[in-house]
Amino acid sequence: MKVNIITIGNSKGIRIPKVLLEQCRIHNRVDLIADGRKLIIKPLKEDPREGWVEEFQTMAKNQDDKLVIDDAIDLDDGGWDW
């Protein structure tokens, strides 16, 4: 789809048709990424932790939820740079 670049104050912008916003589930905020000579517009998740419960359940089911660092580690033992 071709759209025109429009002036918005001292900036430039584009009008994104409602049908595309709905299709991409874009509501209020987006993540704008420059990738070479491309602009990528991605919707921001409304809930950043969306899907975590299901992911943790899958990890537990696959026994992939092991600790990376032992809980019993003594952080006051020295040798740690904070």
N, C-alpha and C. Protein backbone atom coordinates (compact mmCIF):
# COMPACT_ATOMS: atom_id res chain seq x y z
N MET A 1 0.84 -1.17 0.00
CA MET A 1 0.00 0.00 0.00
C MET A 1 0.89 1.24 0.00
N LYS A 2 0.60 2.14 -0.87
CA LYS A 2 1.38 3.38 -0.96
C LYS A 2 0.62 4.48 -0.23
N VAL A 3 1.35 5.25 0.59
CA VAL A 3 0.76 6.38 1.30
C VAL A 3 1.68 7.58 1.15
N ASN A 4 1.13 8.77 1.33
CA ASN A 4 1.92 9.99 1.25
C ASN A 4 2.51 10.35 2.60
N ILE A 5 3.69 10.93 2.58
CA ILE A 5 4.29 11.49 3.79
C ILE A 5 3.71 12.88 3.97
N ILE A 6 3.25 13.17 5.19
CA ILE A 6 2.62 14.46 5.47
C ILE A 6 3.44 15.22 6.50
N THR A 7 3.28 16.53 6.53
CA THR A 7 3.95 17.37 7.52
C THR A 7 3.10 17.43 8.78
N ILE A 8 3.76 17.21 9.92
CA ILE A 8 3.11 17.31 11.22
C ILE A 8 4.01 18.20 12.07
N GLY A 9 3.72 19.50 12.13
CA GLY A 9 4.60 20.44 12.81
C GLY A 9 5.94 20.48 12.11
N ASN A 10 7.02 20.27 12.86
CA ASN A 10 8.36 20.23 12.28
C ASN A 10 8.77 18.82 11.86
N SER A 11 7.86 17.87 12.01
CA SER A 11 8.17 16.48 11.70
C SER A 11 7.40 16.03 10.46
N LYS A 12 7.59 14.80 10.11
CA LYS A 12 6.87 14.17 9.01
C LYS A 12 6.17 12.93 9.55
N GLY A 13 5.13 12.50 8.89
CA GLY A 13 4.40 11.33 9.34
C GLY A 13 3.64 10.69 8.21
N ILE A 14 2.99 9.59 8.53
CA ILE A 14 2.11 8.93 7.56
C ILE A 14 0.79 8.63 8.27
N ARG A 15 -0.28 8.53 7.49
CA ARG A 15 -1.57 8.11 8.01
C ARG A 15 -1.67 6.61 7.77
N ILE A 16 -1.94 5.88 8.85
CA ILE A 16 -2.06 4.43 8.73
C ILE A 16 -3.56 4.10 8.71
N PRO A 17 -4.03 3.47 7.65
CA PRO A 17 -5.45 3.16 7.55
C PRO A 17 -5.93 2.29 8.72
N LYS A 18 -7.16 2.53 9.13
CA LYS A 18 -7.76 1.83 10.27
C LYS A 18 -7.70 0.32 10.09
N VAL A 19 -7.96 -0.16 8.88
CA VAL A 19 -7.96 -1.60 8.65
C VAL A 19 -6.59 -2.22 8.94
N LEU A 20 -5.51 -1.52 8.61
CA LEU A 20 -4.17 -2.03 8.92
C LEU A 20 -3.89 -2.00 10.41
N LEU A 21 -4.33 -0.93 11.09
CA LEU A 21 -4.15 -0.85 12.54
C LEU A 21 -4.87 -2.01 13.23
N GLU A 22 -6.09 -2.29 12.78
CA GLU A 22 -6.84 -3.40 13.37
C GLU A 22 -6.18 -4.74 13.07
N GLN A 23 -5.73 -4.92 11.84
CA GLN A 23 -5.10 -6.18 11.43
C GLN A 23 -3.85 -6.45 12.24
N CYS A 24 -3.09 -5.40 12.54
CA CYS A 24 -1.83 -5.56 13.28
C CYS A 24 -2.02 -5.40 14.79
N ARG A 25 -3.28 -5.17 15.21
CA ARG A 25 -3.61 -4.98 16.63
C ARG A 25 -2.83 -3.83 17.25
N ILE A 26 -2.73 -2.74 16.51
CA ILE A 26 -2.05 -1.55 17.00
C ILE A 26 -3.10 -0.64 17.61
N HIS A 27 -2.85 -0.23 18.87
CA HIS A 27 -3.83 0.60 19.57
C HIS A 27 -3.29 2.00 19.81
N ASN A 28 -2.45 2.18 20.81
CA ASN A 28 -2.00 3.51 21.20
C ASN A 28 -0.51 3.77 20.97
N ARG A 29 0.30 2.78 21.22
CA ARG A 29 1.75 2.98 21.14
C ARG A 29 2.38 1.90 20.28
N VAL A 30 3.49 2.25 19.64
CA VAL A 30 4.21 1.30 18.79
C VAL A 30 5.70 1.38 19.09
N ASP A 31 6.40 0.37 18.64
CA ASP A 31 7.86 0.35 18.69
C ASP A 31 8.31 0.62 17.26
N LEU A 32 9.09 1.68 17.05
CA LEU A 32 9.57 2.07 15.74
C LEU A 32 11.03 1.68 15.62
N ILE A 33 11.35 0.85 14.63
CA ILE A 33 12.70 0.30 14.48
C ILE A 33 13.24 0.65 13.10
N ALA A 34 14.47 1.16 13.06
CA ALA A 34 15.15 1.40 11.78
C ALA A 34 15.99 0.16 11.48
N ASP A 35 15.75 -0.45 10.32
CA ASP A 35 16.48 -1.64 9.89
C ASP A 35 17.03 -1.35 8.50
N GLY A 36 18.25 -0.83 8.48
CA GLY A 36 18.82 -0.42 7.20
C GLY A 36 18.01 0.73 6.64
N ARG A 37 17.44 0.53 5.47
CA ARG A 37 16.61 1.57 4.85
C ARG A 37 15.12 1.30 5.03
N LYS A 38 14.79 0.48 6.02
CA LYS A 38 13.39 0.14 6.29
C LYS A 38 12.99 0.68 7.66
N LEU A 39 11.73 1.06 7.79
CA LEU A 39 11.15 1.38 9.09
C LEU A 39 10.18 0.25 9.43
N ILE A 40 10.33 -0.29 10.62
CA ILE A 40 9.44 -1.35 11.07
C ILE A 40 8.61 -0.79 12.22
N ILE A 41 7.31 -0.92 12.11
CA ILE A 41 6.39 -0.45 13.14
C ILE A 41 5.77 -1.68 13.77
N LYS A 42 6.04 -1.89 15.07
CA LYS A 42 5.52 -3.06 15.77
C LYS A 42 4.65 -2.59 16.93
N PRO A 43 3.52 -3.26 17.16
CA PRO A 43 2.69 -2.87 18.30
C PRO A 43 3.40 -3.20 19.61
N LEU A 44 3.24 -2.33 20.59
CA LEU A 44 3.75 -2.63 21.92
C LEU A 44 2.73 -3.49 22.63
N LYS A 45 3.20 -4.45 23.39
CA LYS A 45 2.28 -5.28 24.16
C LYS A 45 1.63 -4.41 25.23
N GLU A 46 0.34 -4.54 25.37
CA GLU A 46 -0.37 -3.80 26.42
C GLU A 46 0.07 -4.32 27.79
N ASP A 47 0.30 -5.61 27.87
CA ASP A 47 0.75 -6.23 29.11
C ASP A 47 2.09 -6.91 28.82
N PRO A 48 3.20 -6.30 29.29
CA PRO A 48 4.52 -6.87 28.95
C PRO A 48 4.71 -8.31 29.42
N ARG A 49 3.94 -8.74 30.42
CA ARG A 49 4.09 -10.11 30.94
C ARG A 49 3.04 -11.05 30.35
N GLU A 50 2.37 -10.61 29.30
CA GLU A 50 1.36 -11.43 28.65
C GLU A 50 1.98 -12.74 28.17
N GLY A 51 1.34 -13.84 28.52
CA GLY A 51 1.81 -15.15 28.08
C GLY A 51 2.83 -15.80 28.99
N TRP A 52 3.28 -15.10 30.04
CA TRP A 52 4.29 -15.66 30.92
C TRP A 52 3.80 -16.92 31.63
N VAL A 53 2.56 -16.93 32.10
CA VAL A 53 2.04 -18.08 32.83
C VAL A 53 2.14 -19.33 31.97
N GLU A 54 1.68 -19.22 30.72
CA GLU A 54 1.72 -20.36 29.82
C GLU A 54 3.16 -20.79 29.53
N GLU A 55 4.05 -19.83 29.36
CA GLU A 55 5.46 -20.16 29.09
C GLU A 55 6.09 -20.87 30.28
N PHE A 56 5.80 -20.40 31.50
CA PHE A 56 6.35 -21.05 32.69
C PHE A 56 5.78 -22.46 32.86
N GLN A 57 4.51 -22.63 32.54
CA GLN A 57 3.91 -23.96 32.62
C GLN A 57 4.56 -24.91 31.62
N THR A 58 4.83 -24.41 30.43
CA THR A 58 5.50 -25.23 29.41
C THR A 58 6.91 -25.59 29.86
N MET A 59 7.63 -24.62 30.45
CA MET A 59 8.98 -24.90 30.95
C MET A 59 8.94 -25.97 32.02
N ALA A 60 7.99 -25.87 32.95
CA ALA A 60 7.89 -26.87 34.02
C ALA A 60 7.56 -28.25 33.44
N LYS A 61 6.64 -28.29 32.48
CA LYS A 61 6.26 -29.55 31.84
C LYS A 61 7.46 -30.20 31.15
N ASN A 62 8.30 -29.37 30.52
CA ASN A 62 9.49 -29.88 29.81
C ASN A 62 10.70 -30.01 30.72
N GLN A 63 10.51 -29.76 32.02
CA GLN A 63 11.59 -29.79 33.02
C GLN A 63 12.75 -28.90 32.60
N ASP A 64 12.38 -27.73 32.08
CA ASP A 64 13.37 -26.74 31.64
C ASP A 64 13.36 -25.52 32.56
N ASP A 65 12.97 -25.72 33.82
CA ASP A 65 12.86 -24.60 34.75
C ASP A 65 13.85 -24.72 35.90
N LYS A 66 15.03 -25.21 35.58
CA LYS A 66 16.07 -25.36 36.60
C LYS A 66 16.72 -24.00 36.91
N LEU A 67 17.19 -23.84 38.14
CA LEU A 67 17.84 -22.59 38.55
C LEU A 67 19.16 -22.42 37.82
N VAL A 68 19.45 -21.19 37.41
CA VAL A 68 20.72 -20.89 36.76
C VAL A 68 21.80 -20.70 37.82
N ILE A 69 21.43 -20.05 38.92
CA ILE A 69 22.33 -19.85 40.06
C ILE A 69 21.67 -20.47 41.28
N ASP A 70 22.41 -21.24 42.02
CA ASP A 70 21.90 -21.92 43.20
C ASP A 70 21.36 -20.90 44.20
N ASP A 71 20.17 -21.17 44.74
CA ASP A 71 19.56 -20.29 45.75
C ASP A 71 20.40 -20.20 47.02
N ALA A 72 21.19 -21.21 47.32
CA ALA A 72 21.95 -21.26 48.56
C ALA A 72 23.27 -20.50 48.47
N ILE A 73 23.54 -19.84 47.36
CA ILE A 73 24.81 -19.14 47.19
C ILE A 73 24.93 -18.00 48.19
N ASP A 74 26.10 -17.82 48.76
CA ASP A 74 26.34 -16.78 49.75
C ASP A 74 26.90 -15.55 49.04
N LEU A 75 26.06 -14.56 48.84
CA LEU A 75 26.48 -13.36 48.13
C LEU A 75 27.39 -12.46 48.97
N ASP A 76 27.44 -12.71 50.29
CA ASP A 76 28.32 -11.93 51.16
C ASP A 76 29.71 -12.55 51.26
N ASP A 77 29.94 -13.64 50.55
CA ASP A 77 31.19 -14.38 50.63
C ASP A 77 32.35 -13.62 49.98
N GLY A 78 32.09 -12.61 49.21
CA GLY A 78 33.14 -11.85 48.55
C GLY A 78 33.36 -12.32 47.13
N GLY A 79 34.13 -11.56 46.40
CA GLY A 79 34.41 -11.92 45.02
C GLY A 79 33.33 -11.49 44.05
N TRP A 80 32.31 -10.82 44.56
CA TRP A 80 31.22 -10.37 43.69
C TRP A 80 31.38 -8.89 43.41
N ASP A 81 31.31 -8.51 42.17
CA ASP A 81 31.34 -7.09 41.78
C ASP A 81 29.92 -6.65 41.48
N TRP A 82 29.42 -5.66 42.21
CA TRP A 82 28.06 -5.17 42.01
C TRP A 82 28.10 -3.84 41.36
